[in-house]
Each structure stands twice: as structure tokens, then as C-alpha cells.
N, C-alpha and C. Protein backbone atom coordinates (compact mmCIF):
# COMPACT_ATOMS: atom_id res chain seq x y z
N MET A 1 78.84 88.06 112.37
CA MET A 1 79.71 87.75 111.17
C MET A 1 79.98 88.85 110.39
N PRO A 2 81.08 88.98 109.78
CA PRO A 2 81.59 90.10 108.61
C PRO A 2 80.78 90.13 107.14
N ILE A 3 80.50 91.07 106.90
CA ILE A 3 79.45 91.26 105.64
C ILE A 3 80.70 91.67 104.58
N ILE A 4 80.96 91.02 103.46
CA ILE A 4 81.65 91.33 102.36
C ILE A 4 81.09 92.23 101.61
N LEU A 5 81.73 93.49 101.29
CA LEU A 5 81.29 94.67 100.52
C LEU A 5 81.85 94.67 99.52
N ILE A 6 80.85 94.65 97.81
CA ILE A 6 81.29 94.49 96.90
C ILE A 6 81.35 96.08 95.85
N ASP A 7 82.29 96.04 95.61
CA ASP A 7 81.98 97.78 94.73
C ASP A 7 81.09 97.60 93.75
N SER A 8 80.32 98.73 93.45
CA SER A 8 79.02 98.70 92.56
C SER A 8 79.77 98.47 91.15
N ARG A 9 80.66 98.99 91.12
CA ARG A 9 81.22 99.20 89.67
C ARG A 9 81.91 97.73 89.12
N GLU A 10 81.95 96.90 89.98
CA GLU A 10 82.45 95.82 89.96
C GLU A 10 81.83 94.97 88.76
N GLN A 11 81.88 94.83 87.52
CA GLN A 11 81.31 94.23 86.70
C GLN A 11 80.63 92.66 86.57
N LEU A 12 81.21 91.95 87.13
CA LEU A 12 81.13 90.16 87.21
C LEU A 12 81.83 90.10 88.46
N PRO A 13 80.94 90.43 89.67
CA PRO A 13 81.29 90.22 90.94
C PRO A 13 81.11 88.61 91.15
N TYR A 14 82.42 88.57 92.19
CA TYR A 14 82.39 86.82 92.56
C TYR A 14 81.32 86.73 93.65
N ASP A 15 80.58 85.65 93.65
CA ASP A 15 79.98 85.01 94.78
C ASP A 15 80.52 84.41 95.80
N PHE A 16 80.34 84.51 96.88
CA PHE A 16 80.85 84.07 97.98
C PHE A 16 79.40 83.40 98.93
N LYS A 17 80.39 82.33 99.76
CA LYS A 17 79.18 81.77 100.65
C LYS A 17 78.96 82.47 101.99
N THR A 18 79.88 83.98 102.22
CA THR A 18 79.71 84.80 103.39
C THR A 18 78.61 85.75 102.74
N ALA A 19 77.60 86.48 103.73
CA ALA A 19 76.76 87.75 103.42
C ALA A 19 77.60 88.67 102.31
N SER A 20 77.04 89.19 101.65
CA SER A 20 77.46 90.18 101.04
C SER A 20 76.65 91.04 100.53
N LYS A 21 77.12 92.48 100.27
CA LYS A 21 76.30 93.34 99.43
C LYS A 21 77.13 94.56 98.66
N ARG A 22 76.28 95.04 97.80
CA ARG A 22 76.95 95.95 97.04
C ARG A 22 76.86 97.31 97.66
N GLY A 23 78.40 98.04 97.03
CA GLY A 23 78.05 99.24 97.86
C GLY A 23 79.48 100.12 97.19
N THR A 24 79.66 101.19 97.32
CA THR A 24 80.46 101.86 96.25
C THR A 24 82.15 102.41 97.24
N LEU A 25 83.39 101.61 96.77
CA LEU A 25 84.55 101.39 97.26
C LEU A 25 85.38 102.41 96.83
N GLU A 26 86.07 103.64 97.60
CA GLU A 26 87.03 104.05 97.04
C GLU A 26 88.62 103.55 95.81
N THR A 27 88.57 102.56 96.83
CA THR A 27 89.74 101.90 96.69
C THR A 27 89.44 100.38 96.07
N GLY A 28 89.89 99.60 95.51
CA GLY A 28 89.53 97.83 95.25
C GLY A 28 88.35 97.56 94.97
N ASP A 29 87.81 96.27 95.10
CA ASP A 29 86.93 95.57 94.00
C ASP A 29 86.08 95.10 95.66
N TYR A 30 86.68 94.62 96.83
CA TYR A 30 85.97 93.75 97.61
C TYR A 30 86.64 94.57 98.61
N SER A 31 86.06 94.69 99.89
CA SER A 31 86.44 94.84 101.40
C SER A 31 85.39 94.19 102.21
N LEU A 32 85.46 94.83 103.33
CA LEU A 32 84.31 94.09 104.65
C LEU A 32 83.56 95.60 104.73
N HIS A 33 82.24 95.32 105.28
CA HIS A 33 81.15 96.48 105.54
C HIS A 33 82.01 97.10 106.82
N GLY A 34 82.32 98.42 106.80
CA GLY A 34 82.60 98.93 108.21
C GLY A 34 84.15 99.11 108.05
N ALA A 35 84.82 98.33 106.93
CA ALA A 35 86.54 97.97 107.51
C ALA A 35 86.92 98.98 106.16
N GLU A 36 85.96 99.48 105.29
CA GLU A 36 86.13 99.92 103.70
C GLU A 36 87.93 100.87 103.58
N SER A 37 88.07 101.45 104.35
CA SER A 37 89.14 102.16 104.80
C SER A 37 90.48 101.84 105.64
N LEU A 38 90.10 100.35 105.49
CA LEU A 38 91.46 99.27 106.37
C LEU A 38 91.77 98.48 105.40
N LEU A 39 90.76 98.28 104.61
CA LEU A 39 90.83 96.66 104.12
C LEU A 39 90.62 96.73 102.40
N ALA A 40 91.54 96.25 101.27
CA ALA A 40 90.19 96.02 99.65
C ALA A 40 91.20 95.13 99.39
N ILE A 41 90.60 94.39 98.35
CA ILE A 41 91.27 93.42 97.47
C ILE A 41 90.67 93.85 96.12
N GLU A 42 91.92 93.88 95.49
CA GLU A 42 91.71 94.29 93.68
C GLU A 42 91.61 93.06 92.80
N ARG A 43 90.85 92.55 92.05
CA ARG A 43 90.58 91.79 91.11
C ARG A 43 90.91 92.22 89.84
N LYS A 44 91.79 91.34 89.16
CA LYS A 44 91.96 91.09 87.46
C LYS A 44 91.62 90.06 86.88
N SER A 45 91.38 90.19 85.68
CA SER A 45 91.23 89.43 84.89
C SER A 45 92.43 89.36 84.07
N LEU A 46 93.14 88.71 83.08
CA LEU A 46 93.97 88.66 82.54
C LEU A 46 94.09 89.89 81.52
N GLY A 47 93.24 89.99 80.55
CA GLY A 47 92.82 90.83 80.00
C GLY A 47 92.72 92.37 80.67
N ASP A 48 92.30 92.49 81.78
CA ASP A 48 92.18 93.85 82.56
C ASP A 48 92.97 93.96 82.87
N LEU A 49 94.24 93.08 83.36
CA LEU A 49 95.34 93.26 84.01
C LEU A 49 96.22 93.92 82.90
N LEU A 50 96.48 93.62 81.91
CA LEU A 50 97.27 94.07 80.67
C LEU A 50 96.72 95.51 80.46
N GLY A 51 95.16 95.59 80.15
CA GLY A 51 94.79 97.12 79.87
C GLY A 51 95.50 98.21 81.00
N CYS A 52 95.48 97.60 82.33
CA CYS A 52 96.08 98.39 83.45
C CYS A 52 97.45 98.72 83.45
N LEU A 53 98.13 97.46 82.35
CA LEU A 53 99.53 97.30 82.42
C LEU A 53 99.88 98.85 81.44
N THR A 54 99.47 98.78 80.35
CA THR A 54 99.60 99.53 79.42
C THR A 54 98.75 100.74 79.11
N THR A 55 97.58 100.97 78.58
CA THR A 55 96.73 102.04 78.14
C THR A 55 96.32 102.48 79.44
N ASP A 56 95.99 102.08 80.80
CA ASP A 56 95.35 102.38 81.99
C ASP A 56 96.42 102.81 83.05
N ARG A 57 97.51 102.41 82.74
CA ARG A 57 98.51 102.53 83.73
C ARG A 57 98.39 103.61 84.92
N ASP A 58 98.45 105.00 84.58
CA ASP A 58 98.42 105.69 85.40
C ASP A 58 97.10 105.85 86.32
N ARG A 59 95.70 105.27 85.91
CA ARG A 59 94.79 105.45 86.56
C ARG A 59 95.20 104.17 87.72
N PHE A 60 95.70 103.10 87.16
CA PHE A 60 95.83 101.88 88.01
C PHE A 60 97.11 102.32 88.75
N GLU A 61 97.81 103.12 88.87
CA GLU A 61 98.72 103.01 89.98
C GLU A 61 98.30 103.86 90.93
N ARG A 62 97.40 104.96 90.30
CA ARG A 62 96.72 105.87 91.39
C ARG A 62 96.13 104.99 92.36
N GLU A 63 95.54 103.87 91.98
CA GLU A 63 94.38 102.68 92.77
C GLU A 63 95.55 102.38 93.60
N LEU A 64 96.90 101.84 93.12
CA LEU A 64 97.81 100.97 94.16
C LEU A 64 98.26 102.01 95.12
N TYR A 65 98.22 103.51 94.48
CA TYR A 65 98.55 104.01 95.91
C TYR A 65 97.95 104.14 96.51
N ARG A 66 96.51 104.46 96.44
CA ARG A 66 95.35 104.78 97.37
C ARG A 66 95.87 103.25 97.90
N GLY A 67 95.68 102.12 97.44
CA GLY A 67 96.11 101.03 98.19
C GLY A 67 96.79 100.91 99.52
N ARG A 68 97.87 101.30 99.01
CA ARG A 68 99.18 101.19 100.11
C ARG A 68 98.89 102.20 101.17
N ALA A 69 97.92 103.06 101.26
CA ALA A 69 97.38 103.58 102.52
C ALA A 69 96.53 102.79 103.31
N LEU A 70 96.34 101.64 102.91
CA LEU A 70 95.43 101.02 103.56
C LEU A 70 96.10 99.78 104.42
N ASP A 71 95.66 99.22 105.72
CA ASP A 71 96.18 98.37 106.44
C ASP A 71 96.31 96.97 105.72
N TYR A 72 95.79 96.91 104.65
CA TYR A 72 95.81 95.79 103.92
C TYR A 72 95.12 95.63 102.55
N PHE A 73 95.80 95.84 101.67
CA PHE A 73 95.48 95.72 100.21
C PHE A 73 96.19 94.70 99.58
N ALA A 74 95.47 93.86 98.70
CA ALA A 74 96.14 93.02 97.49
C ALA A 74 95.65 92.94 96.28
N LEU A 75 95.97 92.35 95.62
CA LEU A 75 95.59 92.40 94.20
C LEU A 75 95.58 90.74 93.86
N VAL A 76 94.26 90.47 93.58
CA VAL A 76 94.22 88.97 92.87
C VAL A 76 93.91 89.25 91.09
N ILE A 77 94.76 88.21 90.55
CA ILE A 77 94.71 88.14 89.50
C ILE A 77 94.18 86.65 88.92
N GLU A 78 93.58 86.69 88.32
CA GLU A 78 92.77 85.50 87.21
C GLU A 78 93.89 85.08 86.28
N SER A 79 94.96 84.48 86.51
CA SER A 79 95.92 84.00 85.59
C SER A 79 96.82 83.32 86.26
N ALA A 80 97.73 82.41 85.62
CA ALA A 80 98.71 81.73 86.21
C ALA A 80 100.02 82.75 85.60
N LEU A 81 100.67 83.36 86.45
CA LEU A 81 101.83 83.96 86.62
C LEU A 81 102.59 82.94 85.10
N SER A 82 102.98 82.20 85.09
CA SER A 82 103.64 81.49 84.01
C SER A 82 102.89 81.71 82.40
N ASP A 83 101.43 81.96 82.19
CA ASP A 83 100.68 82.50 81.17
C ASP A 83 101.19 83.83 80.93
N ILE A 84 101.61 84.75 81.88
CA ILE A 84 102.05 86.18 81.64
C ILE A 84 103.51 86.02 81.34
N ALA A 85 103.99 85.35 81.88
CA ALA A 85 105.50 85.15 81.43
C ALA A 85 105.79 84.49 79.73
N LYS A 86 105.04 83.64 79.59
CA LYS A 86 105.46 82.96 78.31
C LYS A 86 104.60 83.42 77.28
N GLY A 87 103.80 84.89 77.78
CA GLY A 87 103.06 85.72 76.93
C GLY A 87 101.70 84.91 76.11
N ARG A 88 101.04 84.29 77.15
CA ARG A 88 99.92 83.62 76.13
C ARG A 88 98.55 84.63 76.81
N TYR A 89 98.54 85.79 75.61
CA TYR A 89 97.56 86.72 75.79
C TYR A 89 97.88 87.34 75.00
N ARG A 90 96.67 88.08 74.49
CA ARG A 90 96.41 89.23 73.55
C ARG A 90 96.73 90.63 73.65
N SER A 91 97.98 91.03 73.66
CA SER A 91 98.45 92.69 73.64
C SER A 91 99.52 92.48 73.10
N GLY A 92 99.86 93.84 73.16
CA GLY A 92 101.59 94.36 72.94
C GLY A 92 102.72 94.35 73.40
N MET A 93 102.05 94.22 74.97
CA MET A 93 102.96 94.24 75.95
C MET A 93 104.27 93.05 76.02
N GLU A 94 105.28 93.35 75.90
CA GLU A 94 106.33 92.28 76.26
C GLU A 94 106.07 91.35 77.53
N PRO A 95 106.24 89.92 77.80
CA PRO A 95 106.06 89.22 78.68
C PRO A 95 106.99 89.69 80.05
N LYS A 96 108.08 89.97 79.34
CA LYS A 96 109.19 90.45 80.55
C LYS A 96 108.63 91.65 81.36
N ALA A 97 108.09 92.75 80.25
CA ALA A 97 107.52 93.57 80.93
C ALA A 97 106.67 93.83 81.69
N ALA A 98 105.70 93.30 81.66
CA ALA A 98 104.29 92.92 82.45
C ALA A 98 104.79 92.31 83.48
N VAL A 99 105.99 90.75 83.69
CA VAL A 99 105.85 90.56 84.80
C VAL A 99 106.96 91.60 85.74
N GLU A 100 107.69 92.18 85.16
CA GLU A 100 108.77 93.42 85.68
C GLU A 100 107.47 94.31 86.16
N SER A 101 106.84 94.47 85.72
CA SER A 101 105.73 95.94 86.20
C SER A 101 105.17 95.09 87.56
N LEU A 102 104.62 94.02 87.82
CA LEU A 102 103.91 93.24 88.83
C LEU A 102 104.97 93.42 89.87
N LEU A 103 106.49 92.82 89.31
CA LEU A 103 107.33 92.89 90.38
C LEU A 103 107.49 94.39 91.36
N ALA A 104 107.76 95.24 90.47
CA ALA A 104 107.77 96.79 90.74
C ALA A 104 106.51 97.44 92.00
N PHE A 105 105.26 97.00 91.16
CA PHE A 105 104.03 97.18 91.69
C PHE A 105 104.64 96.63 93.44
N SER A 106 104.76 95.10 93.10
CA SER A 106 104.57 94.51 94.61
C SER A 106 105.62 95.03 95.77
N ILE A 107 106.91 95.81 95.27
CA ILE A 107 108.06 96.16 95.98
C ILE A 107 107.20 97.87 96.23
N ARG A 108 106.79 98.57 95.08
CA ARG A 108 106.85 100.04 95.54
C ARG A 108 105.64 100.05 96.12
N TYR A 109 104.39 99.55 96.19
CA TYR A 109 103.24 99.83 96.87
C TYR A 109 102.85 98.61 97.78
N ARG A 110 103.82 97.78 98.38
CA ARG A 110 103.82 96.84 99.36
C ARG A 110 102.66 96.11 99.03
N LEU A 111 102.86 95.55 97.86
CA LEU A 111 101.32 94.96 97.45
C LEU A 111 101.50 93.34 97.60
N PRO A 112 100.61 92.34 98.05
CA PRO A 112 100.77 90.93 97.79
C PRO A 112 99.93 90.82 96.20
N VAL A 113 100.48 90.10 95.51
CA VAL A 113 99.93 89.80 94.46
C VAL A 113 99.41 87.70 94.42
N PHE A 114 98.26 87.76 94.16
CA PHE A 114 97.94 86.51 94.08
C PHE A 114 97.49 85.87 92.73
N PHE A 115 98.31 84.74 92.33
CA PHE A 115 97.40 84.29 90.69
C PHE A 115 96.60 83.03 91.02
N VAL A 116 95.69 83.31 90.75
CA VAL A 116 94.49 82.31 90.59
C VAL A 116 94.26 81.36 89.36
N GLU A 117 93.45 80.11 89.23
CA GLU A 117 93.68 79.81 87.79
C GLU A 117 92.85 80.02 87.52
N ASN A 118 91.49 80.34 88.01
CA ASN A 118 90.13 80.75 87.13
C ASN A 118 89.26 81.40 88.72
N ARG A 119 88.01 81.87 87.93
CA ARG A 119 87.17 83.11 88.98
C ARG A 119 87.09 82.04 90.34
N HIS A 120 86.57 80.81 90.23
CA HIS A 120 86.22 79.99 91.34
C HIS A 120 87.22 79.98 92.34
N PHE A 121 88.49 79.83 91.92
CA PHE A 121 89.54 80.32 92.97
C PHE A 121 89.76 81.47 93.54
N GLY A 122 89.42 82.56 92.85
CA GLY A 122 89.89 83.93 92.94
C GLY A 122 88.62 84.35 93.87
N ALA A 123 87.19 83.80 93.67
CA ALA A 123 86.51 84.03 94.48
C ALA A 123 86.96 83.27 96.19
N ARG A 124 87.03 82.34 96.22
CA ARG A 124 87.53 81.66 97.19
C ARG A 124 88.84 82.21 98.20
N LEU A 125 89.71 82.66 97.39
CA LEU A 125 90.75 83.29 98.01
C LEU A 125 90.46 84.42 98.50
N THR A 126 89.78 85.37 97.72
CA THR A 126 89.41 86.90 98.17
C THR A 126 88.82 86.68 99.36
N GLU A 127 87.95 85.98 99.29
CA GLU A 127 86.67 85.37 100.61
C GLU A 127 87.73 85.23 101.83
N SER A 128 88.66 84.07 101.48
CA SER A 128 89.49 84.02 102.69
C SER A 128 90.24 84.68 103.12
N LEU A 129 90.79 86.04 102.45
CA LEU A 129 91.75 86.93 102.66
C LEU A 129 90.72 87.91 103.68
N LEU A 130 89.72 87.87 102.96
CA LEU A 130 88.88 89.17 104.09
C LEU A 130 88.44 88.53 105.51
N LEU A 131 88.16 87.35 105.01
CA LEU A 131 87.57 86.63 106.53
C LEU A 131 88.51 86.68 107.70
N LYS A 132 89.98 86.01 107.00
CA LYS A 132 91.12 85.97 108.01
C LYS A 132 91.63 87.70 108.63
N TYR A 133 91.40 88.52 107.77
CA TYR A 133 91.80 90.04 108.03
C TYR A 133 90.77 90.44 109.05
N ALA A 134 89.45 89.87 109.22
CA ALA A 134 88.49 90.45 110.05
C ALA A 134 88.70 89.24 111.71
N ARG A 135 89.30 88.17 111.05
CA ARG A 135 89.61 87.45 112.63
C ARG A 135 90.80 87.94 113.09
N GLU A 136 92.03 88.11 112.10
CA GLU A 136 93.06 88.82 112.93
C GLU A 136 92.74 90.43 113.69
N GLN A 137 92.01 90.86 113.03
CA GLN A 137 91.65 92.00 113.79
C GLN A 137 90.68 92.03 115.32
N GLU A 138 89.98 90.62 115.19
CA GLU A 138 89.36 90.74 116.62
C GLU A 138 90.72 90.22 117.37
N LYS A 139 91.20 89.45 117.03
CA LYS A 139 92.50 88.53 117.91
C LYS A 139 92.87 90.04 118.71
N ARG A 140 93.88 90.88 117.65
CA ARG A 140 94.13 91.97 118.13
C ARG A 140 93.65 92.88 119.45
N LEU A 141 92.13 93.05 119.20
CA LEU A 141 91.30 93.44 119.78
C LEU A 141 91.07 92.89 121.23
N LYS A 142 91.18 91.66 121.12
CA LYS A 142 91.06 91.25 122.31
C LYS A 142 92.05 90.61 123.38
N SER A 143 93.43 91.03 122.60
CA SER A 143 94.51 91.01 123.18
C SER A 143 94.70 92.33 124.13
N LEU A 144 94.39 93.61 123.50
CA LEU A 144 94.10 94.88 124.00
C LEU A 144 93.14 94.95 125.04
N THR A 145 92.11 94.42 125.09
CA THR A 145 90.94 94.41 126.21
C THR A 145 90.94 93.51 127.31
N GLY A 146 91.82 92.39 126.97
CA GLY A 146 91.86 91.35 128.07
C GLY A 146 93.20 90.62 128.33
């Protein structure tokens, strides 16, 4: 059974049903033990995302660039897209600019972006993505060997 690896810098880590442990990830907040160079999921609260789109944009884009080199890298945002589009947040960033930045990143970095309504759904989605990746890798390996 895969073990979920949680980056040691993740301040409020998700709780998973699957076994997990803390470790240092070069890219992202979550991966699978032994697959860190292949797979990562980056989690953002709405406030954190807006900071990454404004004051920390260069650092965030470096993270996305590293993620592009992985076999699978995704962004999980704890917010509804409609909340971003309607400016339901505290930031000087214009809603259209925030949405357009996310759309540009999805193209530029081949980045799947998932919007979830809260942490609970973020944890379930993240766990599901990680486990589905592991299952797909197992299927690929079996097809090569048998």
C-alpha cells in the first residue's frame, strides 16, 4: 500500500485515511513515498494563493516550473472559482487578473487546477489523486511485464 508523503514545511497538513509520513519535498506539498521525483500535489488556501499570485509570484512560478518536469503535478485550491471570479477575498488583486493568471499557468505549466469547497474535500481529492496515480503506475508496470 502506498504511503503519502507530506512536506515537512506544510503548516496545516491534511489528514488522510491512507498511511502518511512527513518528509522534505523539493516540489509540492504531497507526494507518494518513493515517487517524489514523479508526482506532487500543491495545496493552496485562497489567501495563500492570492499571495502567490502577487507578492510571491516569482517563487510560485519557480515551483510550477519544477512541477512541470514531474510526470504528474496538480494544484488544489481551497476555494470555489466563483469566489475568485467575484472577488470574494481580501487582496488588491483584480478578480479577472487572478482567474487569468490561473488559466495561463494551467497552459504554461500543463497544470491541472482543482477547486474544492473546503479542507475536507481538498484532503479527499488529494488522497484520491495520489492513489489513482499509484494504481495507474501499477497497471503500466503489469502491462510491460505480462
